[in-house]
Protein backbone atom coordinates (compact mmCIF):
# COMPACT_ATOMS: atom_id res chain seq x y z
CA MET A 1 116.43 70.68 53.82
CA GLN A 2 115.62 67.04 53.05
CA ILE A 3 119.08 66.02 54.29
CA ILE A 4 118.59 67.85 57.58
CA THR A 5 115.18 66.23 58.04
CA SER A 6 116.61 62.77 57.35
CA ILE A 7 119.45 63.29 59.82
CA GLY A 8 116.97 64.58 62.39
CA ASN A 9 114.76 61.51 61.95
CA ALA A 10 117.76 59.20 62.40
CA LEU A 11 118.93 61.02 65.53
CA PHE A 12 115.42 61.01 67.00
CA THR A 13 115.13 57.27 66.37
CA SER A 14 118.50 56.75 68.06
CA PHE A 15 117.40 58.80 71.06
CA SER A 16 114.08 56.94 71.23
CA MET A 17 115.94 53.63 71.41
CA LEU A 18 118.27 54.99 74.09
CA TRP A 19 115.30 56.26 76.12
CA GLU A 20 113.60 52.87 75.86
CA ILE A 21 116.61 50.95 77.20
CA LEU A 22 118.26 53.52 79.49
CA TRP A 23 116.88 52.25 82.79
CA SER A 24 117.69 48.67 81.87
CA LEU A 25 121.26 49.64 81.03
CA ILE A 26 121.70 51.32 84.40
CA LEU A 27 120.10 48.39 86.24
CA GLY A 28 122.20 45.88 84.34
CA PHE A 29 125.49 47.64 84.98
CA THR A 30 124.57 48.10 88.66
CA LEU A 31 123.87 44.39 89.08
CA SER A 32 127.05 43.58 87.17
CA GLY A 33 128.98 45.91 89.47
CA ILE A 34 127.52 44.14 92.52
CA VAL A 35 128.58 40.73 91.20
CA GLN A 36 132.08 41.91 90.35
CA ALA A 37 132.43 43.65 93.72
CA VAL A 38 131.84 40.45 95.69
CA VAL A 39 133.46 37.91 93.33
CA SER A 40 137.24 38.22 93.21
CA ARG A 41 139.19 37.93 89.95
CA ARG A 42 142.27 36.66 91.77
CA ALA A 43 143.50 33.06 91.43
CA ARG A 44 141.17 32.30 88.50
CA ALA A 45 143.95 31.09 86.22
CA LYS A 46 144.86 28.23 88.57
CA ALA A 47 141.30 26.95 88.32
CA LEU A 48 141.32 27.06 84.52
CA GLY A 49 144.43 25.05 83.80
CA GLY A 50 142.72 22.40 81.69
CA ASP A 51 139.78 21.83 79.39
CA SER A 52 137.87 19.35 81.54
CA PRO A 53 134.15 19.89 82.22
CA LYS A 54 135.07 21.34 85.61
CA ASN A 55 137.52 23.82 84.08
CA LEU A 56 135.01 24.89 81.44
CA THR A 57 132.26 25.24 84.04
CA LEU A 58 134.47 27.50 86.14
CA ALA A 59 135.48 29.49 83.05
CA THR A 60 131.80 30.01 82.25
CA LEU A 61 130.96 31.07 85.79
CA PHE A 62 133.91 33.47 85.90
CA GLY A 63 132.75 34.92 82.59
CA ILE A 64 129.22 35.44 83.88
CA ALA A 65 130.68 37.31 86.87
CA SER A 66 132.71 39.63 84.62
CA SER A 67 132.04 42.77 82.63
CA SER A 68 130.28 42.59 79.27
CA CYS A 69 132.91 44.77 77.58
CA SER A 70 134.24 42.69 74.69
CA TYR A 71 137.64 44.40 74.67
CA ALA A 72 138.11 43.85 78.41
CA ALA A 73 136.99 40.22 78.06
CA VAL A 74 139.55 39.60 75.32
CA ALA A 75 142.32 41.27 77.34
CA LEU A 76 141.43 39.34 80.50
CA ALA A 77 141.31 36.07 78.55
CA ARG A 78 144.88 36.63 77.38
CA SER A 79 145.93 37.43 80.94
CA LEU A 80 144.36 34.19 82.18
CA PHE A 81 146.07 32.27 79.36
CA GLN A 82 149.45 33.78 80.24
CA LYS A 83 149.00 32.85 83.90
CA GLY A 84 148.26 29.20 83.26
CA ALA A 85 144.70 28.85 82.01
CA SER A 86 144.24 26.56 79.04
CA PHE A 87 143.51 28.20 75.69
CA THR A 88 140.13 26.45 75.60
CA SER A 89 139.16 27.76 79.04
CA ALA A 90 140.30 31.28 78.11
CA MET A 91 138.12 31.28 75.00
CA ALA A 92 135.17 29.80 76.93
CA PHE A 93 135.59 32.63 79.42
CA GLU A 94 135.40 35.14 76.55
CA LEU A 95 132.19 33.66 75.20
CA ALA A 96 130.53 33.62 78.63
CA SER A 97 131.63 37.12 79.60
CA THR A 98 130.02 38.68 76.53
CA ASN A 99 126.92 36.50 76.11
CA LEU A 100 125.84 35.34 79.57
CA VAL A 101 126.11 38.55 81.59
CA ILE A 102 123.19 40.12 83.44
CA GLU A 103 123.03 43.47 81.67
CA LEU A 104 122.78 41.93 78.21
CA GLY A 105 119.79 39.81 79.23
CA ILE A 106 117.96 42.79 80.70
CA ILE A 107 118.40 45.01 77.66
CA LEU A 108 117.26 42.19 75.36
CA VAL A 109 114.07 41.72 77.39
CA VAL A 110 113.27 45.43 77.19
CA LEU A 111 114.08 45.95 73.52
CA LEU A 112 113.14 42.63 71.90
CA GLY A 113 111.39 40.39 74.42
CA TRP A 114 112.07 37.52 76.82
CA GLN A 115 112.44 35.00 74.01
CA PHE A 116 115.62 36.70 72.82
CA THR A 117 117.04 36.74 76.33
CA ALA A 118 116.31 33.02 76.74
CA ALA A 119 117.86 32.35 73.32
CA GLU A 120 120.93 34.42 74.19
CA TYR A 121 121.59 32.55 77.42
CA LEU A 122 120.89 29.13 75.94
CA GLY A 123 123.01 29.93 72.90
CA GLY A 124 125.83 31.22 75.09
CA LEU A 125 125.97 27.90 76.95
CA LEU A 126 125.80 26.00 73.67
CA MET A 127 128.73 27.99 72.29
CA VAL A 128 130.88 27.04 75.27
CA LEU A 129 130.07 23.37 74.63
CA PHE A 130 130.60 23.67 70.87
CA ILE A 131 133.93 25.48 71.16
CA ALA A 132 135.16 22.87 73.65
CA VAL A 133 134.33 20.06 71.22
CA ILE A 134 135.78 21.88 68.19
CA PHE A 135 138.98 22.74 70.05
CA ARG A 136 139.30 19.15 71.29
CA LEU A 137 139.11 17.92 67.69
CA THR A 138 141.14 20.58 65.89
CA LEU A 139 143.37 22.57 68.29
CA THR A 140 146.93 21.27 68.09
CA PRO A 141 149.67 21.65 70.74
CA ARG A 142 151.78 23.47 68.16
CA LEU A 143 149.05 26.09 67.65
CA VAL A 144 148.72 26.55 71.41
CA GLN A 145 152.48 27.04 71.72
CA GLU A 146 152.39 29.60 68.95
CA ALA A 147 149.57 31.44 70.73
CA LYS A 148 151.52 31.31 74.01
CA ALA A 149 154.69 32.67 72.37
CA HIS A 150 152.85 35.62 70.87
CA ALA A 151 150.92 36.27 74.09
CA GLU A 152 154.17 36.54 76.04
CA GLN A 153 155.27 39.42 73.81
CA GLY A 154 152.72 41.59 75.62
CA LEU A 155 151.53 43.66 72.67
CA MET A 156 148.82 46.16 73.60
CA GLY A 157 145.15 45.65 72.83
CA ARG A 158 142.37 47.71 74.41
CA MET A 159 141.01 48.02 77.96
CA GLU A 160 143.87 45.97 79.40
CA GLY A 161 144.11 48.09 82.52
CA HIS A 162 140.38 47.73 83.11
CA ALA A 163 140.61 43.98 82.67
CA ALA A 164 143.52 43.72 85.12
CA MET A 165 141.85 45.68 87.94
CA ASP A 166 140.44 43.68 90.82
CA MET A 167 138.45 45.95 93.14
CA SER A 168 136.42 43.19 94.77
CA VAL A 169 135.87 43.08 98.53
CA SER A 170 137.11 40.12 100.57
CA GLY A 171 136.00 38.82 103.95
CA GLY A 172 132.50 38.30 105.28
CA SER A 173 129.27 37.08 103.72
CA PHE A 174 127.81 38.33 100.44
CA TRP A 175 125.59 40.87 102.21
CA GLN A 176 128.30 42.00 104.59
CA LYS A 177 130.62 42.71 101.67
CA LEU A 178 127.88 44.39 99.66
CA TRP A 179 126.65 46.73 102.42
CA SER A 180 130.10 47.72 103.64
CA HIS A 181 131.66 51.06 102.72
CA LYS A 182 134.26 49.24 100.63
CA GLY A 183 131.53 47.26 98.92
CA PHE A 184 129.59 50.40 98.00
CA THR A 185 132.76 51.96 96.65
CA ALA A 186 133.64 48.85 94.64
CA VAL A 187 130.15 48.75 93.08
CA SER A 188 130.43 52.43 92.12
CA ASN A 189 133.89 51.84 90.65
CA TYR A 190 132.79 48.92 88.51
CA PHE A 191 129.60 50.74 87.47
CA VAL A 192 131.41 53.83 86.19
CA MET A 193 134.32 51.99 84.62
CA ASP A 194 132.11 49.47 82.83
CA TRP A 195 130.15 52.39 81.40
CA ALA A 196 133.39 54.07 80.39
CA SER A 197 134.50 50.91 78.60
CA VAL A 198 131.36 50.46 76.48
CA TRP A 199 129.75 53.87 76.04
CA VAL A 200 131.39 54.40 72.65
CA ASP A 201 130.01 51.08 71.39
CA ILE A 202 126.55 51.84 72.78
CA VAL A 203 126.44 55.30 71.18
CA LEU A 204 127.83 53.99 67.89
CA GLY A 205 125.34 51.14 67.87
CA LEU A 206 122.43 53.50 68.55
CA LEU A 207 123.53 55.94 65.83
CA ILE A 208 123.96 53.19 63.24
CA ALA A 209 120.66 51.58 64.26
CA GLY A 210 118.87 54.94 64.06
CA ALA A 211 120.30 55.64 60.62
CA LEU A 212 119.40 52.19 59.29
CA ALA A 213 115.89 52.36 60.73
CA ALA A 214 115.26 55.84 59.32
CA TRP A 215 117.00 55.59 55.95
CA VAL A 216 116.84 51.97 54.78
CA PRO A 217 113.37 50.85 53.67
CA ASN A 218 111.97 47.56 54.91
CA SER A 219 111.71 46.37 51.32
CA PHE A 220 115.51 46.23 51.15
CA TRP A 221 115.79 44.19 54.35
CA ASN A 222 112.97 41.88 53.26
CA ALA A 223 114.78 41.14 50.03
CA PHE A 224 118.19 40.81 51.72
CA PHE A 225 116.90 38.37 54.35
CA PHE A 226 114.53 36.48 52.01
CA SER A 227 111.59 37.29 54.28
CA ASN A 228 109.11 36.00 51.68
CA ASN A 229 110.73 32.57 51.79
CA PRO A 230 110.84 31.42 55.45
CA THR A 231 112.85 28.27 54.65
CA ILE A 232 115.66 30.15 52.93
CA ALA A 233 115.50 32.88 55.60
CA LYS A 234 116.10 30.32 58.35
CA ILE A 235 119.04 28.85 56.45
CA GLU A 236 120.58 32.22 55.62
CA GLY A 237 120.03 33.99 58.95
CA PRO A 238 122.61 32.29 61.22
CA LEU A 239 125.16 32.40 58.40
CA VAL A 240 124.79 36.07 57.52
CA GLY A 241 124.24 37.29 61.10
CA PRO A 242 127.86 36.90 62.26
CA PHE A 243 129.12 38.36 58.98
CA VAL A 244 127.01 41.51 59.39
CA SER A 245 128.30 41.82 62.95
CA LEU A 246 131.89 41.30 61.78
CA VAL A 247 131.79 44.33 59.46
CA SER A 248 129.67 46.55 61.75
CA PHE A 249 132.60 47.46 64.05
CA VAL A 250 130.15 47.50 66.99
CA CYS A 251 130.67 45.15 69.92
CA SER A 252 129.35 44.49 73.39
CA MET A 253 125.98 46.08 74.22
CA GLY A 254 126.06 48.32 71.16
CA ASN A 255 124.98 45.59 68.77
CA VAL A 256 121.62 45.01 70.51
CA PRO A 257 119.98 48.12 68.93
CA LEU A 258 121.35 46.94 65.58
CA ALA A 259 119.84 43.51 66.24
CA ALA A 260 116.47 45.17 66.81
CA VAL A 261 116.69 46.89 63.42
CA LEU A 262 117.64 43.61 61.71
CA TRP A 263 114.74 41.79 63.41
CA ARG A 264 112.36 44.53 62.29
CA GLY A 265 113.79 44.18 58.79
CA GLY A 266 113.08 40.46 58.52
CA ILE A 267 116.16 38.48 59.59
CA SER A 268 115.36 35.09 61.12
CA PHE A 269 115.26 34.49 64.87
CA GLY A 270 118.44 32.41 64.74
CA GLY A 271 120.06 35.11 62.61
CA VAL A 272 119.42 37.76 65.27
CA VAL A 273 120.90 35.56 67.95
CA SER A 274 124.00 34.67 65.94
CA PHE A 275 124.46 38.37 65.11
CA ILE A 276 124.52 39.23 68.82
CA PHE A 277 126.91 36.37 69.52
CA ALA A 278 129.42 37.67 66.99
CA ASP A 279 130.68 40.70 68.92
CA LEU A 280 133.90 38.75 69.55
CA ILE A 281 134.83 38.56 65.86
CA ILE A 282 134.34 42.15 64.73
CA LEU A 283 137.27 43.59 62.77
CA PRO A 284 138.86 45.63 65.62
CA ILE A 285 138.86 42.59 67.91
CA LEU A 286 140.26 40.36 65.17
CA ASP A 287 143.16 42.82 64.96
CA ILE A 288 143.68 42.43 68.72
CA TYR A 289 143.74 38.64 68.34
CA ARG A 290 146.43 39.13 65.70
CA LYS A 291 148.51 41.17 68.15
CA TYR A 292 147.91 38.79 71.03
CA TYR A 293 148.28 35.42 69.33
CA GLY A 294 149.57 35.92 65.76
CA TRP A 295 147.95 35.69 62.32
CA LYS A 296 147.48 31.92 62.27
CA VAL A 297 145.74 31.74 65.64
CA MET A 298 143.65 34.81 64.77
CA GLY A 299 142.41 32.98 61.66
CA TYR A 300 141.74 29.86 63.71
CA ILE A 301 139.69 31.85 66.25
CA LEU A 302 137.72 33.56 63.47
CA VAL A 303 136.80 30.30 61.74
CA THR A 304 135.97 28.31 64.88
CA PHE A 305 134.04 31.15 66.51
CA TYR A 306 132.08 31.78 63.29
CA VAL A 307 131.14 28.10 63.03
CA THR A 308 130.23 28.03 66.73
CA MET A 309 128.07 31.16 66.53
CA ALA A 310 126.25 30.01 63.40
CA ALA A 311 125.68 26.53 64.86
CA ALA A 312 124.26 27.97 68.08
CA GLY A 313 121.94 30.17 66.01
CA TYR A 314 120.64 27.13 64.10
CA VAL A 315 120.04 25.10 67.27
CA VAL A 316 118.21 28.00 68.93
CA GLU A 317 116.08 28.51 65.79
CA LEU A 318 115.13 24.83 65.60
CA LEU A 319 114.46 24.42 69.33
CA PHE A 320 112.41 27.59 69.80
CA GLY A 321 110.54 26.85 66.57
CA ALA A 322 109.68 23.35 67.81
CA LEU A 323 108.42 24.83 71.08
CA GLY A 324 106.40 27.47 69.19
CA ILE A 325 107.88 30.41 71.10
CA ILE A 326 109.58 32.35 68.31
CA PRO A 327 108.00 35.85 68.33
CA THR A 328 105.85 36.77 65.33
CA ASN A 329 105.60 40.50 66.05
CA ARG A 330 108.49 42.33 64.42
CA GLN A 331 107.54 45.78 65.68
CA VAL A 332 110.12 47.42 67.95
CA VAL A 333 108.45 49.85 70.34
CA ALA A 334 111.42 52.19 70.50
CA ILE A 335 111.35 52.56 66.69
CA SER A 336 107.61 52.57 66.02
CA GLU A 337 106.34 54.66 68.95
CA GLY A 338 109.24 56.93 69.93
CA VAL A 339 109.54 58.72 73.29
CA GLN A 340 106.39 58.77 75.42
CA TRP A 341 105.53 59.65 78.99
CA ASN A 342 104.91 56.23 80.50
CA TYR A 343 106.43 53.76 82.96
CA THR A 344 109.66 53.76 80.96
CA SER A 345 110.12 57.48 81.57
CA VAL A 346 109.46 57.05 85.29
CA LEU A 347 111.95 54.19 85.51
CA ASN A 348 114.54 56.22 83.60
CA ILE A 349 114.26 59.09 86.07
CA LEU A 350 114.58 56.77 89.07
CA PHE A 351 117.55 54.90 87.68
CA LEU A 352 119.26 58.10 86.57
CA LEU A 353 119.12 59.13 90.24
CA LEU A 354 120.73 55.81 91.17
CA ALA A 355 123.41 56.37 88.52
CA ALA A 356 124.06 59.86 89.89
CA ILE A 357 124.57 58.43 93.40
CA LEU A 358 127.06 55.87 92.12
CA VAL A 359 128.94 58.45 90.05
CA VAL A 360 129.21 60.81 93.03
CA ARG A 361 130.52 57.97 95.17
CA PHE A 362 133.04 57.11 92.45
CA LEU A 363 134.29 60.70 92.25
CA HIS A 364 134.44 61.19 96.02
CA THR A 365 136.51 58.03 96.54
CA GLY A 366 139.27 58.88 94.07
CA GLY A 367 137.95 57.07 91.04
CA LEU A 368 139.25 59.43 88.35
CA PRO A 369 142.84 58.13 88.43
CA MET A 370 141.52 54.63 87.68
CA LEU A 371 139.80 55.89 84.55
CA ARG A 372 143.16 57.07 83.26
CA MET A 373 144.59 53.57 83.81
CA MET A 374 141.92 51.70 81.83
CA ASN A 375 144.19 51.38 78.80
CA THR A 376 147.38 50.86 80.79
CA PRO A 377 149.25 47.69 79.76
CA ALA A 378 148.27 44.80 82.02
CA HIS A 379 151.90 44.13 83.05
CA ASP A 380 152.13 47.71 84.37
CA MET A 381 149.08 47.31 86.62
CA SER A 382 150.85 45.25 89.26
CA GLN A 383 152.12 48.42 90.90
CA HIS A 384 148.56 49.68 91.33
CA ASP A 385 146.82 47.76 94.09
CA MET A 386 143.11 48.20 93.59
């Protein structure tokens, strides 16, 4: 009976967290769909052929305008690299597309507070700068050639079909494209397919977060994160954050609920941020790097990304601490208060109606066949004109 009660508590905590962030998820994916519908993916590689400030700026902007799905970002980065983008620009694109997207910022505001959103966006920009400097100092032409040779083999990763689809609308102003029938359809397509690409990670993240919140006492987290020694906690946090993310198997939006549990448990502010950054070095994605670029380049990406993510966490910790804006309240409403009838419930109902409208539009415009192509190899997508 005790086991059933414990499982029930974990599931209820998971559902409470989902209910707290549901409307923000729908809003975020809708806004992301709008951006992707009016910003074309075509011809990006030509603009990313070097590692100059202009190339890196464009890579960052293209990343911001892309989906937050880590698997799709990694697949699209390889596609850009194959088509002529520099390796540095491709990796900068990856970092931006998983850390600077709209939906991630919204969910962080709702679950943890505006300070974490500001830290995420600032840290995302810092990581692009850091990786550019590190690559300039350490990336050799021989390693790039090795990555290129492996990339040309075309081994399958995940979400390659989704990454290769370009359903954006061309012609006219932003508002003309958005309010057209094609624009509405494109937004619905991106909305549903982005959900389809990350729902497993979101559910897995919520289940793990619920289990940890319900079953692991705060005393364990306090000891693990040295909460009683703030100096050591600040040193340890950005180092251990990416490592915890690496072994969690959860990427994309799914690691935000886990971040909330870690923050509640006592990890430092910089540690939370570096944990969220590290969705691009979880074990399944490292295996995709191995397939795409080979063992040596996979190891190089792991080391340089880890250093970059930890460094960004330290800078954010120091800067926000100096400004006095690091939150002191470690209570997470979704964990401590559970489901209540309040403005969150009203917003969830309204945005669920919006989601239903977009799903109906997706189904009525022949969207189901595209779902079946989400894991189609990228080189096979050329015959499907989106």
